[in-house]
Amino acid sequence: KAHNEEYIKKHFVAVSTAKEEVEKFGIDTANMFEFWDWVGGRYSVWSAVGLSVATYIGFDNFLEFLQGGREADEHFRAQPFENNIPVLKGLLDVWYSNFLSAKAFAILPYDQNLWLFPEFSQQFFMESNGKYVDRNGKPVKYTTGLPRFGAAGTDGQHSFYQEIHQSPEGVLIPADFIGVINPQNLVPGHHEEFFSNFVAQTEALAFGKTKGEALTAGENGGRDLVK
């Protein structure tokens, strides 16, 4: 037991706000990384909680990660509303849900390295906004947020995109497409084909075809449908 306690004391670190619990566990509090107890889950990765991320990607890369967060914060703080990405995104959510009666929102990254991003985004959209009372504890009479779902690229194209493209009139599913200009995937030609799908899907959803154009494309053997 004494050996185990000494091993834990010398070889374990803790990320915690509870000094007494760290001591009780046997970790030397000199090896304790503190963070403020008001740091919420969706922000914790930028704090000492991000130690596991820093360990995995290396501290130089983690500093770049922090710098990216700082730049995003500065953009939100300094940019006028008409150019402010977080503000515009928030207003679009209000518009889609409360004025256009959308019931869900799709997040569609065209890079396999981002395949878990739609699930990750559920935390900061649906946990943060999924409330039925306001900050004063009073029930709200409006939609506070839309459920998020999604998948990477062509995986989604062959599962739920048909519903987004051709759901019955009145069923609106807005979507954020995420394209990557400089991919980490170095397979020759792969990303070019992948990105062409990104462009084609966004164009089809944005502009579609009239009934006449669709009938003409069908008469042409469907070749025009894949332009």
Protein backbone atom coordinates (compact mmCIF):
# COMPACT_ATOMS: atom_id res chain seq x y z
CA LYS A 1 0.00 0.00 0.00
CA ALA A 2 2.78 2.43 0.90
CA HIS A 3 4.48 1.66 -2.42
CA ASN A 4 1.27 2.39 -4.33
CA GLU A 5 0.73 5.64 -2.46
CA GLU A 6 4.27 6.80 -3.24
CA TYR A 7 3.85 5.79 -6.89
CA ILE A 8 0.63 7.78 -7.21
CA LYS A 9 2.18 10.78 -5.48
CA LYS A 10 5.17 10.86 -7.83
CA HIS A 11 3.64 9.80 -11.11
CA PHE A 12 0.08 11.16 -11.20
CA VAL A 13 -1.14 14.66 -11.91
CA ALA A 14 -4.63 16.03 -11.36
CA VAL A 15 -6.85 18.55 -13.10
CA SER A 16 -9.37 19.64 -10.50
CA THR A 17 -11.00 22.40 -8.49
CA ALA A 18 -11.13 20.23 -5.36
CA LYS A 19 -7.77 20.31 -3.58
CA GLU A 20 -8.97 18.18 -0.66
CA GLU A 21 -10.19 15.41 -2.98
CA VAL A 22 -6.89 15.44 -4.84
CA GLU A 23 -5.03 15.00 -1.55
CA LYS A 24 -7.42 12.25 -0.48
CA PHE A 25 -6.73 10.38 -3.72
CA GLY A 26 -3.00 10.57 -2.96
CA ILE A 27 -1.83 12.97 -5.65
CA ASP A 28 0.66 15.65 -4.63
CA THR A 29 -1.17 18.98 -4.87
CA ALA A 30 2.03 20.46 -6.29
CA ASN A 31 1.10 18.41 -9.37
CA MET A 32 -2.44 19.73 -9.47
CA PHE A 33 -3.59 21.87 -12.40
CA GLU A 34 -6.33 24.18 -11.21
CA PHE A 35 -9.14 25.85 -13.11
CA TRP A 36 -11.99 28.06 -12.04
CA ASP A 37 -15.11 26.29 -10.79
CA TRP A 38 -17.26 28.50 -13.03
CA VAL A 39 -15.64 27.19 -16.22
CA GLY A 40 -18.44 25.50 -18.17
CA GLY A 41 -18.05 22.25 -20.07
CA ARG A 42 -18.15 23.85 -23.50
CA TYR A 43 -15.27 26.15 -22.54
CA SER A 44 -13.20 23.77 -20.42
CA VAL A 45 -10.95 22.53 -23.23
CA TRP A 46 -9.30 25.97 -23.26
CA SER A 47 -8.47 25.68 -19.56
CA ALA A 48 -6.28 23.18 -17.70
CA VAL A 49 -8.88 20.55 -18.62
CA GLY A 50 -7.22 20.67 -22.04
CA LEU A 51 -4.12 18.99 -20.55
CA SER A 52 -5.11 15.69 -22.16
CA VAL A 53 -5.40 17.45 -25.54
CA ALA A 54 -2.00 19.11 -25.06
CA THR A 55 -0.48 15.75 -24.16
CA TYR A 56 -1.87 14.16 -27.30
CA ILE A 57 -1.09 16.88 -29.88
CA GLY A 58 2.00 18.42 -28.25
CA PHE A 59 2.19 21.72 -26.40
CA ASP A 60 3.29 23.78 -29.43
CA ASN A 61 0.20 22.62 -31.28
CA PHE A 62 -1.92 23.27 -28.20
CA LEU A 63 -0.65 26.87 -28.11
CA GLU A 64 -1.74 27.25 -31.73
CA PHE A 65 -5.11 25.80 -30.73
CA LEU A 66 -5.39 28.41 -27.95
CA GLN A 67 -4.41 31.14 -30.40
CA GLY A 68 -7.23 30.05 -32.71
CA GLY A 69 -9.66 30.32 -29.81
CA ARG A 70 -8.34 33.78 -29.00
CA GLU A 71 -8.79 34.91 -32.61
CA ALA A 72 -12.37 33.63 -32.60
CA ASP A 73 -13.06 35.50 -29.35
CA GLU A 74 -11.53 38.69 -30.73
CA HIS A 75 -13.61 38.39 -33.88
CA PHE A 76 -16.79 38.09 -31.80
CA ARG A 77 -15.77 40.97 -29.52
CA ALA A 78 -14.61 43.44 -32.17
CA GLN A 79 -16.49 42.84 -35.42
CA PRO A 80 -19.68 44.77 -36.21
CA PHE A 81 -22.80 42.63 -36.20
CA GLU A 82 -23.15 42.58 -39.98
CA ASN A 83 -19.74 40.86 -40.24
CA ASN A 84 -19.84 38.92 -36.99
CA ILE A 85 -19.99 35.17 -37.66
CA PRO A 86 -21.25 34.02 -34.20
CA VAL A 87 -23.88 36.77 -34.12
CA LEU A 88 -25.09 35.97 -37.63
CA LYS A 89 -25.20 32.25 -36.81
CA GLY A 90 -27.26 32.96 -33.70
CA LEU A 91 -29.68 35.18 -35.60
CA LEU A 92 -30.04 32.57 -38.35
CA ASP A 93 -30.93 29.98 -35.73
CA VAL A 94 -33.65 32.29 -34.38
CA TRP A 95 -34.88 32.96 -37.90
CA TYR A 96 -34.97 29.32 -39.01
CA SER A 97 -36.61 28.00 -35.84
CA ASN A 98 -39.05 30.75 -34.84
CA PHE A 99 -39.96 32.31 -38.18
CA LEU A 100 -39.51 29.52 -40.74
CA SER A 101 -40.51 26.67 -38.37
CA ALA A 102 -37.47 24.47 -39.06
CA LYS A 103 -37.32 21.44 -36.78
CA ALA A 104 -33.67 20.36 -37.17
CA PHE A 105 -30.31 21.59 -38.44
CA ALA A 106 -27.67 19.57 -40.29
CA ILE A 107 -23.90 20.03 -39.98
CA LEU A 108 -22.09 18.47 -42.93
CA PRO A 109 -18.26 18.53 -42.96
CA TYR A 110 -16.53 17.42 -46.15
CA ASP A 111 -13.40 16.07 -44.50
CA GLN A 112 -13.21 12.69 -42.79
CA ASN A 113 -11.06 14.18 -40.01
CA LEU A 114 -14.16 16.15 -38.99
CA TRP A 115 -16.49 13.16 -38.94
CA LEU A 116 -17.17 13.57 -35.21
CA PHE A 117 -17.68 17.34 -35.41
CA PRO A 118 -21.49 17.12 -35.83
CA GLU A 119 -21.71 15.09 -32.61
CA PHE A 120 -19.33 17.47 -30.84
CA SER A 121 -21.44 20.43 -31.95
CA GLN A 122 -24.49 18.92 -30.29
CA GLN A 123 -22.90 19.77 -26.95
CA PHE A 124 -22.46 23.49 -27.49
CA PHE A 125 -25.71 23.92 -29.43
CA MET A 126 -28.15 21.56 -27.77
CA GLU A 127 -26.85 21.55 -24.20
CA SER A 128 -26.29 25.30 -24.18
CA ASN A 129 -29.54 26.28 -25.87
CA GLY A 130 -31.82 23.37 -25.05
CA LYS A 131 -33.73 25.15 -22.32
CA TYR A 132 -37.45 25.68 -21.71
CA VAL A 133 -37.03 28.53 -19.20
CA ASP A 134 -35.25 31.85 -19.53
CA ARG A 135 -32.53 33.17 -17.21
CA ASN A 136 -35.21 34.38 -14.81
CA GLY A 137 -36.76 30.90 -14.55
CA LYS A 138 -39.84 31.77 -16.58
CA PRO A 139 -41.12 29.35 -19.27
CA VAL A 140 -40.29 30.56 -22.77
CA LYS A 141 -42.86 30.87 -25.54
CA TYR A 142 -40.40 30.48 -28.39
CA THR A 143 -37.93 27.94 -29.72
CA THR A 144 -34.55 28.13 -27.99
CA GLY A 145 -32.60 25.96 -30.40
CA LEU A 146 -32.74 23.30 -33.09
CA PRO A 147 -31.64 19.67 -32.73
CA ARG A 148 -28.34 19.08 -34.54
CA PHE A 149 -27.35 16.05 -36.58
CA GLY A 150 -24.93 15.32 -39.39
CA ALA A 151 -22.21 13.17 -40.88
CA ALA A 152 -19.08 13.58 -42.95
CA GLY A 153 -19.38 14.07 -46.67
CA THR A 154 -20.46 11.20 -48.83
CA ASP A 155 -21.49 9.10 -45.80
CA GLY A 156 -24.34 11.54 -45.31
CA GLN A 157 -25.06 11.77 -49.03
CA HIS A 158 -26.02 8.11 -49.03
CA SER A 159 -28.11 8.19 -45.86
CA PHE A 160 -30.15 11.33 -45.16
CA TYR A 161 -29.44 13.92 -47.88
CA GLN A 162 -32.48 12.80 -49.88
CA GLU A 163 -34.69 14.02 -47.04
CA ILE A 164 -32.94 17.39 -47.03
CA HIS A 165 -33.30 17.74 -50.80
CA GLN A 166 -36.83 16.41 -51.27
CA SER A 167 -38.72 16.52 -48.00
CA PRO A 168 -42.39 17.52 -48.46
CA GLU A 169 -43.30 21.17 -48.82
CA GLY A 170 -43.13 22.99 -45.51
CA VAL A 171 -40.46 20.72 -43.98
CA LEU A 172 -37.29 22.79 -43.78
CA ILE A 173 -33.90 21.38 -42.76
CA PRO A 174 -31.24 24.11 -42.98
CA ALA A 175 -27.64 22.94 -43.18
CA ASP A 176 -24.10 24.15 -42.68
CA PHE A 177 -21.65 22.67 -45.19
CA ILE A 178 -18.00 22.76 -44.13
CA GLY A 179 -15.41 22.57 -46.91
CA VAL A 180 -11.65 22.22 -46.42
CA ILE A 181 -9.23 23.92 -48.80
CA ASN A 182 -5.98 22.44 -47.47
CA PRO A 183 -6.76 18.86 -46.39
CA GLN A 184 -4.53 16.56 -44.36
CA ASN A 185 -5.51 13.63 -46.58
CA LEU A 186 -2.69 13.27 -49.09
CA VAL A 187 -4.18 10.55 -51.33
CA PRO A 188 -3.72 12.02 -54.85
CA GLY A 189 -6.96 13.24 -56.39
CA HIS A 190 -9.11 12.11 -53.48
CA HIS A 191 -9.88 15.52 -52.02
CA GLU A 192 -10.59 17.09 -55.42
CA GLU A 193 -13.36 14.55 -56.03
CA PHE A 194 -14.61 14.93 -52.48
CA PHE A 195 -14.70 18.71 -52.78
CA SER A 196 -16.61 18.50 -56.05
CA ASN A 197 -19.35 16.70 -54.11
CA PHE A 198 -19.32 19.55 -51.60
CA VAL A 199 -19.83 22.11 -54.39
CA ALA A 200 -22.49 20.05 -56.18
CA GLN A 201 -24.56 19.43 -53.05
CA THR A 202 -24.56 23.07 -51.94
CA GLU A 203 -25.44 24.23 -55.45
CA ALA A 204 -28.29 21.74 -55.75
CA LEU A 205 -29.74 22.74 -52.37
CA ALA A 206 -29.33 26.47 -53.03
CA PHE A 207 -30.80 26.56 -56.55
CA GLY A 208 -32.41 23.18 -57.34
CA LYS A 209 -34.29 22.67 -60.57
CA THR A 210 -37.68 23.73 -61.76
CA LYS A 211 -40.18 21.00 -62.64
CA GLY A 212 -39.53 21.67 -66.32
CA GLU A 213 -35.77 21.38 -65.90
CA ALA A 214 -36.14 18.14 -63.99
CA LEU A 215 -38.41 16.67 -66.68
CA THR A 216 -35.98 17.71 -69.40
CA ALA A 217 -33.10 16.13 -67.49
CA GLY A 218 -35.13 12.93 -67.15
CA GLU A 219 -35.84 12.86 -70.88
CA ASN A 220 -32.11 13.28 -71.46
CA GLY A 221 -31.42 10.04 -69.65
CA GLY A 222 -30.78 11.83 -66.38
CA ARG A 223 -27.36 13.06 -67.49
CA ASP A 224 -28.16 16.69 -66.66
CA LEU A 225 -29.17 15.71 -63.11
CA VAL A 226 -25.54 15.10 -62.15
CA LYS A 227 -24.12 18.37 -63.45
